[in-house]
Amino acid sequence: MALLQVSFRSHVLGMSSSMNVLLPSAPAPGAPDSCPPPHRCLWLLHGLSDDHTAWHRYTSIERYLTGRNLAVLMPNCHRSFYADMANGYRYWTYLSEELPALAARMFPLSTRREDTFAAGLSMGGYGAFKLALRQPHRFAAAASLSGALIRDGRELKERGLSEDWRLVFGEGDDVPPQDDLPALARELAGSASPRPALYAWCGTEDYLHRHNLAFRDHARRIGLEMTYEEGPGDHQWVHWDRQIQRVLDWLPLE
């Protein structure tokens, strides 16, 4: 694998930004298959207090990719909840439109739906599901680890994140419709759009556990298929390092 640390100017955000990319290494010159097909792509999203370096720093994601022919793109989206913020920047537009176009110009990535996936932890799990639910024509699968699968801000505000909530979602307690995962799931379930495969894991001691159970039950009620797993654990990297291996095994890479 090659680790690429990419700095560029985002026109959507109006500022410089960064993204780390893990790219399968090219074959040696003259070796068979010297012009491989474009790589399948996993958008791997960080949590609220992390950045684009976190997955590579705190897990062995590069080692886990050995032999999978999968490129992993890890963008920096700050504390945005991957949303076009009510009082801030247009991170949803940045993530869902500008970055894929930029990456396709920079790297040999497949743009086929069956080759495109999303995953993330905590806030990133929320972002990964939002990508799949809002753009089911682009994503074949999405995975959430300890995802912030919330639909109102009361608990986050109690945890001292009132200002984050206000900046991202506005003054009220409810998530706006375009960012409301249960509403997006219901809309997808009632449509003729393709349905991405969904996977969620959460630790049973995690403060987000009950939100993950609520989303699981909601998905079952509306007939949206989702693989749900849980186990002992709280909101810690030791669990996400283990579970990202499970995600890679689960992805439809064959």
C-alpha atoms as a PDB file:
ATOM      1  CA  MET A   1       0.000   0.000   0.000  1.00  0.00           C
ATOM      2  CA  ALA A   2       1.002   3.604  -0.545  1.00  0.00           C
ATOM      3  CA  LEU A   3       0.059   6.281   1.997  1.00  0.00           C
ATOM      4  CA  LEU A   4      -0.612   9.599   0.282  1.00  0.00           C
ATOM      5  CA  GLN A   5      -1.073  12.798   2.285  1.00  0.00           C
ATOM      6  CA  VAL A   6      -2.961  15.167   0.021  1.00  0.00           C
ATOM      7  CA  SER A   7      -3.383  18.914   0.519  1.00  0.00           C
ATOM      8  CA  PHE A   8      -5.581  20.910  -1.841  1.00  0.00           C
ATOM      9  CA  ARG A   9      -7.873  23.903  -2.020  1.00  0.00           C
ATOM     10  CA  SER A  10     -11.583  23.270  -1.619  1.00  0.00           C
ATOM     11  CA  HIS A  11     -13.712  25.665  -3.627  1.00  0.00           C
ATOM     12  CA  VAL A  12     -16.819  24.574  -1.721  1.00  0.00           C
ATOM     13  CA  LEU A  13     -15.260  25.347   1.674  1.00  0.00           C
ATOM     14  CA  GLY A  14     -13.228  28.295   0.414  1.00  0.00           C
ATOM     15  CA  MET A  15     -10.071  27.106   2.163  1.00  0.00           C
ATOM     16  CA  SER A  16      -7.257  24.597   2.067  1.00  0.00           C
ATOM     17  CA  SER A  17      -8.118  21.062   3.141  1.00  0.00           C
ATOM     18  CA  SER A  18      -6.517  17.641   3.558  1.00  0.00           C
ATOM     19  CA  MET A  19      -7.164  13.996   2.877  1.00  0.00           C
ATOM     20  CA  ASN A  20      -5.153  10.852   3.525  1.00  0.00           C
ATOM     21  CA  VAL A  21      -5.362   8.080   0.946  1.00  0.00           C
ATOM     22  CA  LEU A  22      -4.275   4.457   1.109  1.00  0.00           C
ATOM     23  CA  LEU A  23      -3.749   3.248  -2.427  1.00  0.00           C
ATOM     24  CA  PRO A  24      -2.794  -0.265  -3.572  1.00  0.00           C
ATOM     25  CA  SER A  25       0.767  -0.199  -4.866  1.00  0.00           C
ATOM     26  CA  ALA A  26       1.301  -0.517  -8.612  1.00  0.00           C
ATOM     27  CA  PRO A  27       2.861  -3.731  -9.962  1.00  0.00           C
ATOM     28  CA  ALA A  28       6.556  -3.687 -10.792  1.00  0.00           C
ATOM     29  CA  PRO A  29       7.342  -2.468 -14.332  1.00  0.00           C
ATOM     30  CA  GLY A  30       6.976  -5.295 -16.813  1.00  0.00           C
ATOM     31  CA  ALA A  31       5.084  -7.530 -14.403  1.00  0.00           C
ATOM     32  CA  PRO A  32       1.848  -9.176 -15.533  1.00  0.00           C
ATOM     33  CA  ASP A  33      -1.264  -7.069 -15.023  1.00  0.00           C
ATOM     34  CA  SER A  34       0.799  -3.873 -15.197  1.00  0.00           C
ATOM     35  CA  CYS A  35      -2.372  -1.909 -16.036  1.00  0.00           C
ATOM     36  CA  PRO A  36      -4.851  -3.062 -13.370  1.00  0.00           C
ATOM     37  CA  PRO A  37      -8.479  -1.912 -13.446  1.00  0.00           C
ATOM     38  CA  PRO A  38      -9.500   1.094 -11.335  1.00  0.00           C
ATOM     39  CA  HIS A  39      -9.516   0.431  -7.602  1.00  0.00           C
ATOM     40  CA  ARG A  40     -12.604  -0.126  -5.541  1.00  0.00           C
ATOM     41  CA  CYS A  41     -12.999   2.683  -3.030  1.00  0.00           C
ATOM     42  CA  LEU A  42     -13.897   2.985   0.667  1.00  0.00           C
ATOM     43  CA  TRP A  43     -14.632   6.428   2.088  1.00  0.00           C
ATOM     44  CA  LEU A  44     -13.545   6.063   5.730  1.00  0.00           C
ATOM     45  CA  LEU A  45     -14.851   8.851   7.966  1.00  0.00           C
ATOM     46  CA  HIS A  46     -13.524  10.128  11.303  1.00  0.00           C
ATOM     47  CA  GLY A  47     -15.303  10.978  14.545  1.00  0.00           C
ATOM     48  CA  LEU A  48     -16.129  14.331  16.110  1.00  0.00           C
ATOM     49  CA  SER A  49     -12.828  14.887  17.912  1.00  0.00           C
ATOM     50  CA  ASP A  50     -10.608  13.348  15.196  1.00  0.00           C
ATOM     51  CA  ASP A  51      -9.309  14.277  11.766  1.00  0.00           C
ATOM     52  CA  HIS A  52      -8.202  12.615   8.536  1.00  0.00           C
ATOM     53  CA  THR A  53      -5.156  11.039  10.207  1.00  0.00           C
ATOM     54  CA  ALA A  54      -7.006   9.204  12.989  1.00  0.00           C
ATOM     55  CA  TRP A  55      -7.775   5.894  11.284  1.00  0.00           C
ATOM     56  CA  HIS A  56      -4.188   5.473  10.164  1.00  0.00           C
ATOM     57  CA  ARG A  57      -2.743   6.550  13.525  1.00  0.00           C
ATOM     58  CA  TYR A  58      -4.958   4.556  15.871  1.00  0.00           C
ATOM     59  CA  THR A  59      -5.667   1.373  13.894  1.00  0.00           C
ATOM     60  CA  SER A  60      -3.737  -0.980  11.630  1.00  0.00           C
ATOM     61  CA  ILE A  61      -6.018  -0.211   8.690  1.00  0.00           C
ATOM     62  CA  GLU A  62      -3.109  -0.240   6.220  1.00  0.00           C
ATOM     63  CA  ARG A  63      -2.072  -3.740   7.273  1.00  0.00           C
ATOM     64  CA  TYR A  64      -5.676  -4.974   7.159  1.00  0.00           C
ATOM     65  CA  LEU A  65      -5.942  -3.917   3.513  1.00  0.00           C
ATOM     66  CA  THR A  66      -3.240  -6.329   2.361  1.00  0.00           C
ATOM     67  CA  GLY A  67      -4.448  -8.310  -0.641  1.00  0.00           C
ATOM     68  CA  ARG A  68      -7.837  -6.593  -0.894  1.00  0.00           C
ATOM     69  CA  ASN A  69      -7.216  -4.237  -3.864  1.00  0.00           C
ATOM     70  CA  LEU A  70      -9.189  -1.527  -2.077  1.00  0.00           C
ATOM     71  CA  ALA A  71      -8.339   2.171  -1.949  1.00  0.00           C
ATOM     72  CA  VAL A  72      -9.278   3.981   1.271  1.00  0.00           C
ATOM     73  CA  LEU A  73      -9.940   7.721   1.302  1.00  0.00           C
ATOM     74  CA  MET A  74      -9.942   9.505   4.661  1.00  0.00           C
ATOM     75  CA  PRO A  75     -11.040  13.161   4.337  1.00  0.00           C
ATOM     76  CA  ASN A  76     -10.888  15.832   7.019  1.00  0.00           C
ATOM     77  CA  CYS A  77     -14.369  17.157   7.742  1.00  0.00           C
ATOM     78  CA  HIS A  78     -13.743  18.640  11.207  1.00  0.00           C
ATOM     79  CA  ARG A  79     -16.712  18.785  13.624  1.00  0.00           C
ATOM     80  CA  SER A  80     -19.289  19.124  10.863  1.00  0.00           C
ATOM     81  CA  PHE A  81     -21.415  15.978  11.183  1.00  0.00           C
ATOM     82  CA  TYR A  82     -20.823  15.811   7.434  1.00  0.00           C
ATOM     83  CA  ALA A  83     -23.594  18.366   6.956  1.00  0.00           C
ATOM     84  CA  ASP A  84     -24.101  21.631   5.159  1.00  0.00           C
ATOM     85  CA  MET A  85     -23.945  23.456   8.466  1.00  0.00           C
ATOM     86  CA  ALA A  86     -26.655  25.855   9.598  1.00  0.00           C
ATOM     87  CA  ASN A  87     -23.958  28.250  10.826  1.00  0.00           C
ATOM     88  CA  GLY A  88     -20.812  27.186   9.066  1.00  0.00           C
ATOM     89  CA  TYR A  89     -19.471  25.460   5.984  1.00  0.00           C
ATOM     90  CA  ARG A  90     -21.004  23.196   3.338  1.00  0.00           C
ATOM     91  CA  TYR A  91     -19.338  19.954   4.367  1.00  0.00           C
ATOM     92  CA  TRP A  92     -22.055  17.718   2.896  1.00  0.00           C
ATOM     93  CA  THR A  93     -21.572  19.273  -0.524  1.00  0.00           C
ATOM     94  CA  TYR A  94     -17.812  19.028  -0.029  1.00  0.00           C
ATOM     95  CA  LEU A  95     -17.952  15.329   0.913  1.00  0.00           C
ATOM     96  CA  SER A  96     -20.634  14.137  -1.466  1.00  0.00           C
ATOM     97  CA  GLU A  97     -19.831  16.190  -4.580  1.00  0.00           C
ATOM     98  CA  GLU A  98     -16.487  17.983  -4.589  1.00  0.00           C
ATOM     99  CA  LEU A  99     -14.296  15.292  -3.054  1.00  0.00           C
ATOM    100  CA  PRO A 100     -15.457  12.370  -5.246  1.00  0.00           C
ATOM    101  CA  ALA A 101     -14.882  14.442  -8.380  1.00  0.00           C
ATOM    102  CA  LEU A 102     -11.468  15.544  -7.114  1.00  0.00           C
ATOM    103  CA  ALA A 103     -10.449  12.000  -6.139  1.00  0.00           C
ATOM    104  CA  ALA A 104     -11.543  10.600  -9.498  1.00  0.00           C
ATOM    105  CA  ARG A 105      -9.234  13.083 -11.240  1.00  0.00           C
ATOM    106  CA  MET A 106      -6.300  12.341  -8.940  1.00  0.00           C
ATOM    107  CA  PHE A 107      -6.412   8.561  -8.500  1.00  0.00           C
ATOM    108  CA  PRO A 108      -7.303   5.435 -10.532  1.00  0.00           C
ATOM    109  CA  LEU A 109     -10.624   4.846  -8.746  1.00  0.00           C
ATOM    110  CA  SER A 110     -13.663   3.030 -10.009  1.00  0.00           C
ATOM    111  CA  THR A 111     -16.828   5.122 -10.049  1.00  0.00           C
ATOM    112  CA  ARG A 112     -19.130   2.110 -10.343  1.00  0.00           C
ATOM    113  CA  ARG A 113     -21.701   1.775  -7.575  1.00  0.00           C
ATOM    114  CA  GLU A 114     -20.717  -1.831  -6.868  1.00  0.00           C
ATOM    115  CA  ASP A 115     -17.139  -0.667  -6.195  1.00  0.00           C
ATOM    116  CA  THR A 116     -17.956   2.248  -3.863  1.00  0.00           C
ATOM    117  CA  PHE A 117     -18.434   1.977  -0.076  1.00  0.00           C
ATOM    118  CA  ALA A 118     -18.512   4.160   3.056  1.00  0.00           C
ATOM    119  CA  ALA A 119     -17.689   3.484   6.699  1.00  0.00           C
ATOM    120  CA  GLY A 120     -16.911   5.461   9.818  1.00  0.00           C
ATOM    121  CA  LEU A 121     -16.920   5.627  13.598  1.00  0.00           C
ATOM    122  CA  SER A 122     -19.173   7.704  15.859  1.00  0.00           C
ATOM    123  CA  MET A 123     -19.866  10.909  13.898  1.00  0.00           C
ATOM    124  CA  GLY A 124     -18.283   9.129  10.932  1.00  0.00           C
ATOM    125  CA  GLY A 125     -20.720   6.230  11.244  1.00  0.00           C
ATOM    126  CA  TYR A 126     -23.527   8.750  10.998  1.00  0.00           C
ATOM    127  CA  GLY A 127     -21.824  10.275   7.947  1.00  0.00           C
ATOM    128  CA  ALA A 128     -21.326   6.904   6.255  1.00  0.00           C
ATOM    129  CA  PHE A 129     -24.999   5.994   6.640  1.00  0.00           C
ATOM    130  CA  LYS A 130     -26.006   9.445   5.402  1.00  0.00           C
ATOM    131  CA  LEU A 131     -23.920   8.969   2.265  1.00  0.00           C
ATOM    132  CA  ALA A 132     -25.552   5.611   1.535  1.00  0.00           C
ATOM    133  CA  LEU A 133     -29.105   6.701   2.345  1.00  0.00           C
ATOM    134  CA  ARG A 134     -28.951   9.980   0.433  1.00  0.00           C
ATOM    135  CA  GLN A 135     -26.938   8.605  -2.491  1.00  0.00           C
ATOM    136  CA  PRO A 136     -27.980   4.964  -2.867  1.00  0.00           C
ATOM    137  CA  HIS A 137     -27.187   5.157  -6.583  1.00  0.00           C
ATOM    138  CA  ARG A 138     -23.501   5.683  -5.705  1.00  0.00           C
ATOM    139  CA  PHE A 139     -22.872   3.414  -2.706  1.00  0.00           C
ATOM    140  CA  ALA A 140     -23.200  -0.362  -2.607  1.00  0.00           C
ATOM    141  CA  ALA A 141     -22.565  -0.646   1.145  1.00  0.00           C
ATOM    142  CA  ALA A 142     -22.054   1.426   4.288  1.00  0.00           C
ATOM    143  CA  ALA A 143     -20.868   0.519   7.781  1.00  0.00           C
ATOM    144  CA  SER A 144     -21.230   2.369  11.089  1.00  0.00           C
ATOM    145  CA  LEU A 145     -19.112   1.622  14.164  1.00  0.00           C
ATOM    146  CA  SER A 146     -20.465   3.104  17.411  1.00  0.00           C
ATOM    147  CA  GLY A 147     -22.381   5.452  15.151  1.00  0.00           C
ATOM    148  CA  ALA A 148     -23.959   8.687  16.335  1.00  0.00           C
ATOM    149  CA  LEU A 149     -27.266   7.484  14.888  1.00  0.00           C
ATOM    150  CA  ILE A 150     -29.204  10.244  16.589  1.00  0.00           C
ATOM    151  CA  ARG A 151     -32.182  12.306  15.517  1.00  0.00           C
ATOM    152  CA  ASP A 152     -32.246  15.025  18.157  1.00  0.00           C
ATOM    153  CA  GLY A 153     -29.661  16.984  20.091  1.00  0.00           C
ATOM    154  CA  ARG A 154     -30.778  16.603  23.682  1.00  0.00           C
ATOM    155  CA  GLU A 155     -28.203  14.035  24.769  1.00  0.00           C
ATOM    156  CA  LEU A 156     -25.345  15.709  22.906  1.00  0.00           C
ATOM    157  CA  LYS A 157     -26.238  19.011  24.532  1.00  0.00           C
ATOM    158  CA  GLU A 158     -26.189  17.343  27.949  1.00  0.00           C
ATOM    159  CA  ARG A 159     -22.673  16.158  27.116  1.00  0.00           C
ATOM    160  CA  GLY A 160     -21.467  19.713  26.541  1.00  0.00           C
ATOM    161  CA  LEU A 161     -21.854  19.796  22.759  1.00  0.00           C
ATOM    162  CA  SER A 162     -24.533  22.490  22.586  1.00  0.00           C
ATOM    163  CA  GLU A 163     -22.363  24.803  20.493  1.00  0.00           C
ATOM    164  CA  ASP A 164     -21.479  22.020  18.057  1.00  0.00           C
ATOM    165  CA  TRP A 165     -25.163  21.229  17.670  1.00  0.00           C
ATOM    166  CA  ARG A 166     -26.102  24.875  17.108  1.00  0.00           C
ATOM    167  CA  LEU A 167     -23.409  25.400  14.506  1.00  0.00           C
ATOM    168  CA  VAL A 168     -24.305  22.244  12.586  1.00  0.00           C
ATOM    169  CA  PHE A 169     -28.076  21.871  12.945  1.00  0.00           C
ATOM    170  CA  GLY A 170     -29.329  25.213  14.248  1.00  0.00           C
ATOM    171  CA  GLU A 171     -31.161  26.334  17.363  1.00  0.00           C
ATOM    172  CA  GLY A 172     -33.735  23.546  17.660  1.00  0.00           C
ATOM    173  CA  ASP A 173     -33.375  20.031  19.070  1.00  0.00           C
ATOM    174  CA  ASP A 174     -34.394  18.150  15.924  1.00  0.00           C
ATOM    175  CA  VAL A 175     -32.114  17.134  13.067  1.00  0.00           C
ATOM    176  CA  PRO A 176     -33.215  18.781   9.797  1.00  0.00           C
ATOM    177  CA  PRO A 177     -34.965  16.417   7.344  1.00  0.00           C
ATOM    178  CA  GLN A 178     -31.993  16.192   4.963  1.00  0.00           C
ATOM    179  CA  ASP A 179     -29.806  14.986   7.855  1.00  0.00           C
ATOM    180  CA  ASP A 180     -32.359  12.797   9.685  1.00  0.00           C
ATOM    181  CA  LEU A 181     -31.205   9.177   9.252  1.00  0.00           C
ATOM    182  CA  PRO A 182     -34.521   7.500  10.205  1.00  0.00           C
ATOM    183  CA  ALA A 183     -36.388   9.777   7.799  1.00  0.00           C
ATOM    184  CA  LEU A 184     -33.868   9.114   5.041  1.00  0.00           C
ATOM    185  CA  ALA A 185     -34.111   5.374   5.689  1.00  0.00           C
ATOM    186  CA  ARG A 186     -37.912   5.495   5.480  1.00  0.00           C
ATOM    187  CA  GLU A 187     -37.740   7.446   2.231  1.00  0.00           C
ATOM    188  CA  LEU A 188     -35.327   4.909   0.733  1.00  0.00           C
ATOM    189  CA  ALA A 189     -37.418   1.947   1.889  1.00  0.00           C
ATOM    190  CA  GLY A 190     -40.450   3.408   0.129  1.00  0.00           C
ATOM    191  CA  SER A 191     -38.654   4.179  -3.120  1.00  0.00           C
ATOM    192  CA  ALA A 192     -37.524   2.217  -6.169  1.00  0.00           C
ATOM    193  CA  SER A 193     -33.874   3.201  -5.569  1.00  0.00           C
ATOM    194  CA  PRO A 194     -31.258   0.495  -5.089  1.00  0.00           C
ATOM    195  CA  ARG A 195     -30.714  -0.384  -1.445  1.00  0.00           C
ATOM    196  CA  PRO A 196     -27.142  -0.281  -0.134  1.00  0.00           C
ATOM    197  CA  ALA A 197     -26.105  -3.034   2.236  1.00  0.00           C
ATOM    198  CA  LEU A 198     -25.919  -1.613   5.778  1.00  0.00           C
ATOM    199  CA  TYR A 199     -23.844  -2.826   8.732  1.00  0.00           C
ATOM    200  CA  ALA A 200     -23.757  -1.432  12.266  1.00  0.00           C
ATOM    201  CA  TRP A 201     -21.820  -2.414  15.368  1.00  0.00           C
ATOM    202  CA  CYS A 202     -21.900  -0.789  18.808  1.00  0.00           C
ATOM    203  CA  GLY A 203     -20.490  -1.647  22.196  1.00  0.00           C
ATOM    204  CA  THR A 204     -23.063  -2.459  24.860  1.00  0.00           C
ATOM    205  CA  GLU A 205     -21.415  -0.017  27.312  1.00  0.00           C
ATOM    206  CA  ASP A 206     -21.285   2.804  24.759  1.00  0.00           C
ATOM    207  CA  TYR A 207     -23.475   5.833  25.486  1.00  0.00           C
ATOM    208  CA  LEU A 208     -24.662   5.589  21.873  1.00  0.00           C
ATOM    209  CA  HIS A 209     -25.805   1.977  22.271  1.00  0.00           C
ATOM    210  CA  ARG A 210     -29.478   2.795  22.740  1.00  0.00           C
ATOM    211  CA  HIS A 211     -29.450   5.018  19.658  1.00  0.00           C
ATOM    212  CA  ASN A 212     -28.014   2.169  17.611  1.00  0.00           C
ATOM    213  CA  LEU A 213     -30.705  -0.176  18.916  1.00  0.00           C
ATOM    214  CA  ALA A 214     -33.379   2.384  18.046  1.00  0.00           C
ATOM    215  CA  PHE A 215     -32.068   2.701  14.478  1.00  0.00           C
ATOM    216  CA  ARG A 216     -31.841  -1.090  14.150  1.00  0.00           C
ATOM    217  CA  ASP A 217     -35.457  -1.482  15.252  1.00  0.00           C
ATOM    218  CA  HIS A 218     -36.563   1.337  12.958  1.00  0.00           C
ATOM    219  CA  ALA A 219     -34.840  -0.315   9.969  1.00  0.00           C
ATOM    220  CA  ARG A 220     -36.587  -3.606  10.743  1.00  0.00           C
ATOM    221  CA  ARG A 221     -39.995  -1.933  11.012  1.00  0.00           C
ATOM    222  CA  ILE A 222     -39.722  -0.283   7.617  1.00  0.00           C
ATOM    223  CA  GLY A 223     -38.255  -3.366   5.920  1.00  0.00           C
ATOM    224  CA  LEU A 224     -34.780  -1.981   5.330  1.00  0.00           C
ATOM    225  CA  GLU A 225     -32.224  -4.763   5.660  1.00  0.00           C
ATOM    226  CA  MET A 226     -29.308  -4.048   8.010  1.00  0.00           C
ATOM    227  CA  THR A 227     -26.761  -6.336   9.624  1.00  0.00           C
ATOM    228  CA  TYR A 228     -26.492  -5.379  13.288  1.00  0.00           C
ATOM    229  CA  GLU A 229     -23.908  -6.709  15.743  1.00  0.00           C
ATOM    230  CA  GLU A 230     -22.836  -5.689  19.227  1.00  0.00           C
ATOM    231  CA  GLY A 231     -20.512  -6.784  21.982  1.00  0.00           C
ATOM    232  CA  PRO A 232     -18.859  -5.636  25.189  1.00  0.00           C
ATOM    233  CA  GLY A 233     -17.200  -2.261  24.796  1.00  0.00           C
ATOM    234  CA  ASP A 234     -17.415   1.490  25.185  1.00  0.00           C
ATOM    235  CA  HIS A 235     -16.422   4.397  22.927  1.00  0.00           C
ATOM    236  CA  GLN A 236     -12.756   3.475  22.389  1.00  0.00           C
ATOM    237  CA  TRP A 237     -10.320   2.879  19.542  1.00  0.00           C
ATOM    238  CA  VAL A 238      -9.445  -0.599  20.789  1.00  0.00           C
ATOM    239  CA  HIS A 239     -12.910  -1.710  19.651  1.00  0.00           C
ATOM    240  CA  TRP A 240     -12.854   0.163  16.344  1.00  0.00           C
ATOM    241  CA  ASP A 241      -9.466  -1.314  15.432  1.00  0.00           C
ATOM    242  CA  ARG A 242     -10.981  -4.763  15.859  1.00  0.00           C
ATOM    243  CA  GLN A 243     -14.282  -4.017  14.185  1.00  0.00           C
ATOM    244  CA  ILE A 244     -12.857  -2.354  11.075  1.00  0.00           C
ATOM    245  CA  GLN A 245     -11.447  -5.791  10.258  1.00  0.00           C
ATOM    246  CA  ARG A 246     -14.975  -7.174  10.486  1.00  0.00           C
ATOM    247  CA  VAL A 247     -16.183  -4.389   8.179  1.00  0.00           C
ATOM    248  CA  LEU A 248     -13.534  -5.180   5.570  1.00  0.00           C
ATOM    249  CA  ASP A 249     -14.533  -8.846   5.669  1.00  0.00           C
ATOM    250  CA  TRP A 250     -18.194  -7.890   5.352  1.00  0.00           C
ATOM    251  CA  LEU A 251     -17.824  -5.571   2.372  1.00  0.00           C
ATOM    252  CA  PRO A 252     -18.816  -7.146  -0.971  1.00  0.00           C
ATOM    253  CA  LEU A 253     -15.303  -7.122  -2.380  1.00  0.00           C
ATOM    254  CA  GLU A 254     -15.322 -10.419  -4.283  1.00  0.00           C
END
